[in-house]
Amino acid sequence: MRDRLLKAVTEYLKGGIAKHKANIEVYLNQTVGIGEHSDIVDTIEKELELLSSYEDKLEVLNKHFQLTNQLGTKELLNERTKSK
């Protein structure tokens, strides 16, 4: 159960990272047609703040909480998710 929860939180945080990276790419590459955001730089800065929040949380999760493999030893979440 512990590993399942850790994996779920990890995937959630990675999803948040992907979401805000995609938003930034849209603002950088398709500024035409984004009428609701008159200050693109400010909007990108807000997206960067949200992105860094998810990255910080993922880093803390990896630092303090590790998955337990089949041998009962602990391994970093990033190492486990990279191999998939």
C-alpha atoms as a PDB file:
ATOM      1  CA  MET A   1       0.000   0.000   0.000  1.00  0.00           C
ATOM      2  CA  ARG A   2       2.825   2.388   0.878  1.00  0.00           C
ATOM      3  CA  ASP A   3       4.515   1.945  -2.500  1.00  0.00           C
ATOM      4  CA  ARG A   4       1.210   2.394  -4.314  1.00  0.00           C
ATOM      5  CA  LEU A   5       0.609   5.695  -2.595  1.00  0.00           C
ATOM      6  CA  LEU A   6       4.150   6.872  -3.276  1.00  0.00           C
ATOM      7  CA  LYS A   7       3.798   5.953  -6.958  1.00  0.00           C
ATOM      8  CA  ALA A   8       0.438   7.724  -7.164  1.00  0.00           C
ATOM      9  CA  VAL A   9       1.818  10.923  -5.648  1.00  0.00           C
ATOM     10  CA  THR A  10       4.868  10.712  -7.917  1.00  0.00           C
ATOM     11  CA  GLU A  11       2.719  10.373 -11.028  1.00  0.00           C
ATOM     12  CA  TYR A  12       0.448  13.197  -9.881  1.00  0.00           C
ATOM     13  CA  LEU A  13       3.426  15.525  -9.413  1.00  0.00           C
ATOM     14  CA  LYS A  14       4.922  14.525 -12.770  1.00  0.00           C
ATOM     15  CA  GLY A  15       1.556  15.261 -14.368  1.00  0.00           C
ATOM     16  CA  GLY A  16       1.564  18.737 -12.839  1.00  0.00           C
ATOM     17  CA  ILE A  17       5.062  19.310 -14.168  1.00  0.00           C
ATOM     18  CA  ALA A  18       4.035  18.198 -17.663  1.00  0.00           C
ATOM     19  CA  LYS A  19       0.926  20.403 -17.567  1.00  0.00           C
ATOM     20  CA  HIS A  20       2.775  23.585 -16.681  1.00  0.00           C
ATOM     21  CA  LYS A  21       5.606  22.862 -19.126  1.00  0.00           C
ATOM     22  CA  ALA A  22       3.004  22.455 -21.879  1.00  0.00           C
ATOM     23  CA  ASN A  23       1.331  25.721 -20.885  1.00  0.00           C
ATOM     24  CA  ILE A  24       4.654  27.552 -21.038  1.00  0.00           C
ATOM     25  CA  GLU A  25       5.376  26.077 -24.474  1.00  0.00           C
ATOM     26  CA  VAL A  26       2.006  27.317 -25.719  1.00  0.00           C
ATOM     27  CA  TYR A  27       2.676  30.816 -24.400  1.00  0.00           C
ATOM     28  CA  LEU A  28       6.148  30.832 -25.959  1.00  0.00           C
ATOM     29  CA  ASN A  29       5.133  29.493 -29.351  1.00  0.00           C
ATOM     30  CA  GLN A  30       1.550  30.639 -29.913  1.00  0.00           C
ATOM     31  CA  THR A  31       1.104  34.070 -28.399  1.00  0.00           C
ATOM     32  CA  VAL A  32      -1.384  34.998 -31.133  1.00  0.00           C
ATOM     33  CA  GLY A  33      -4.875  34.085 -30.025  1.00  0.00           C
ATOM     34  CA  ILE A  34      -4.201  34.166 -26.281  1.00  0.00           C
ATOM     35  CA  GLY A  35      -6.301  37.270 -25.769  1.00  0.00           C
ATOM     36  CA  GLU A  36      -7.121  36.680 -22.131  1.00  0.00           C
ATOM     37  CA  HIS A  37      -3.451  37.084 -21.154  1.00  0.00           C
ATOM     38  CA  SER A  38      -2.325  40.567 -22.023  1.00  0.00           C
ATOM     39  CA  ASP A  39       0.931  40.205 -20.062  1.00  0.00           C
ATOM     40  CA  ILE A  40       2.478  37.022 -21.452  1.00  0.00           C
ATOM     41  CA  VAL A  41       5.680  37.384 -19.417  1.00  0.00           C
ATOM     42  CA  ASP A  42       3.720  37.637 -16.175  1.00  0.00           C
ATOM     43  CA  THR A  43       1.637  34.619 -17.161  1.00  0.00           C
ATOM     44  CA  ILE A  44       4.765  32.582 -17.969  1.00  0.00           C
ATOM     45  CA  GLU A  45       6.253  33.595 -14.618  1.00  0.00           C
ATOM     46  CA  LYS A  46       3.142  32.306 -12.839  1.00  0.00           C
ATOM     47  CA  GLU A  47       3.374  29.023 -14.738  1.00  0.00           C
ATOM     48  CA  LEU A  48       7.053  28.748 -13.754  1.00  0.00           C
ATOM     49  CA  GLU A  49       6.119  29.225 -10.096  1.00  0.00           C
ATOM     50  CA  LEU A  50       3.586  26.416 -10.329  1.00  0.00           C
ATOM     51  CA  LEU A  51       6.059  24.213 -12.214  1.00  0.00           C
ATOM     52  CA  SER A  52       8.780  24.755  -9.632  1.00  0.00           C
ATOM     53  CA  SER A  53       6.321  23.940  -6.842  1.00  0.00           C
ATOM     54  CA  TYR A  54       5.628  20.519  -8.358  1.00  0.00           C
ATOM     55  CA  GLU A  55       9.342  19.905  -8.957  1.00  0.00           C
ATOM     56  CA  ASP A  56      10.191  20.898  -5.379  1.00  0.00           C
ATOM     57  CA  LYS A  57       7.554  18.547  -3.996  1.00  0.00           C
ATOM     58  CA  LEU A  58       8.817  15.693  -6.168  1.00  0.00           C
ATOM     59  CA  GLU A  59      12.373  16.318  -4.981  1.00  0.00           C
ATOM     60  CA  VAL A  60      11.291  16.285  -1.316  1.00  0.00           C
ATOM     61  CA  LEU A  61       9.265  13.122  -1.856  1.00  0.00           C
ATOM     62  CA  ASN A  62      12.266  11.405  -3.462  1.00  0.00           C
ATOM     63  CA  LYS A  63      14.610  12.581  -0.738  1.00  0.00           C
ATOM     64  CA  HIS A  64      12.562  11.521   2.272  1.00  0.00           C
ATOM     65  CA  PHE A  65      10.324   8.674   1.085  1.00  0.00           C
ATOM     66  CA  GLN A  66      11.581   5.751  -0.927  1.00  0.00           C
ATOM     67  CA  LEU A  67       9.946   2.736  -2.510  1.00  0.00           C
ATOM     68  CA  THR A  68      10.622  -0.699  -1.075  1.00  0.00           C
ATOM     69  CA  ASN A  69      11.613  -3.253  -3.694  1.00  0.00           C
ATOM     70  CA  GLN A  70      10.966  -6.997  -3.600  1.00  0.00           C
ATOM     71  CA  LEU A  71      14.130  -7.611  -1.558  1.00  0.00           C
ATOM     72  CA  GLY A  72      12.931  -5.283   1.173  1.00  0.00           C
ATOM     73  CA  THR A  73      15.554  -2.647   0.446  1.00  0.00           C
ATOM     74  CA  LYS A  74      14.631   0.905  -0.368  1.00  0.00           C
ATOM     75  CA  GLU A  75      15.192   2.614  -3.699  1.00  0.00           C
ATOM     76  CA  LEU A  76      14.593   6.108  -4.949  1.00  0.00           C
ATOM     77  CA  LEU A  77      11.279   6.818  -6.652  1.00  0.00           C
ATOM     78  CA  ASN A  78      13.024   8.378  -9.643  1.00  0.00           C
ATOM     79  CA  GLU A  79      15.105   5.277 -10.255  1.00  0.00           C
ATOM     80  CA  ARG A  80      12.009   3.081 -10.282  1.00  0.00           C
ATOM     81  CA  THR A  81       9.962   5.349 -12.541  1.00  0.00           C
ATOM     82  CA  LYS A  82      12.822   5.953 -15.012  1.00  0.00           C
ATOM     83  CA  SER A  83      13.062   2.276 -15.839  1.00  0.00           C
ATOM     84  CA  LYS A  84       9.396   2.076 -16.897  1.00  0.00           C
END
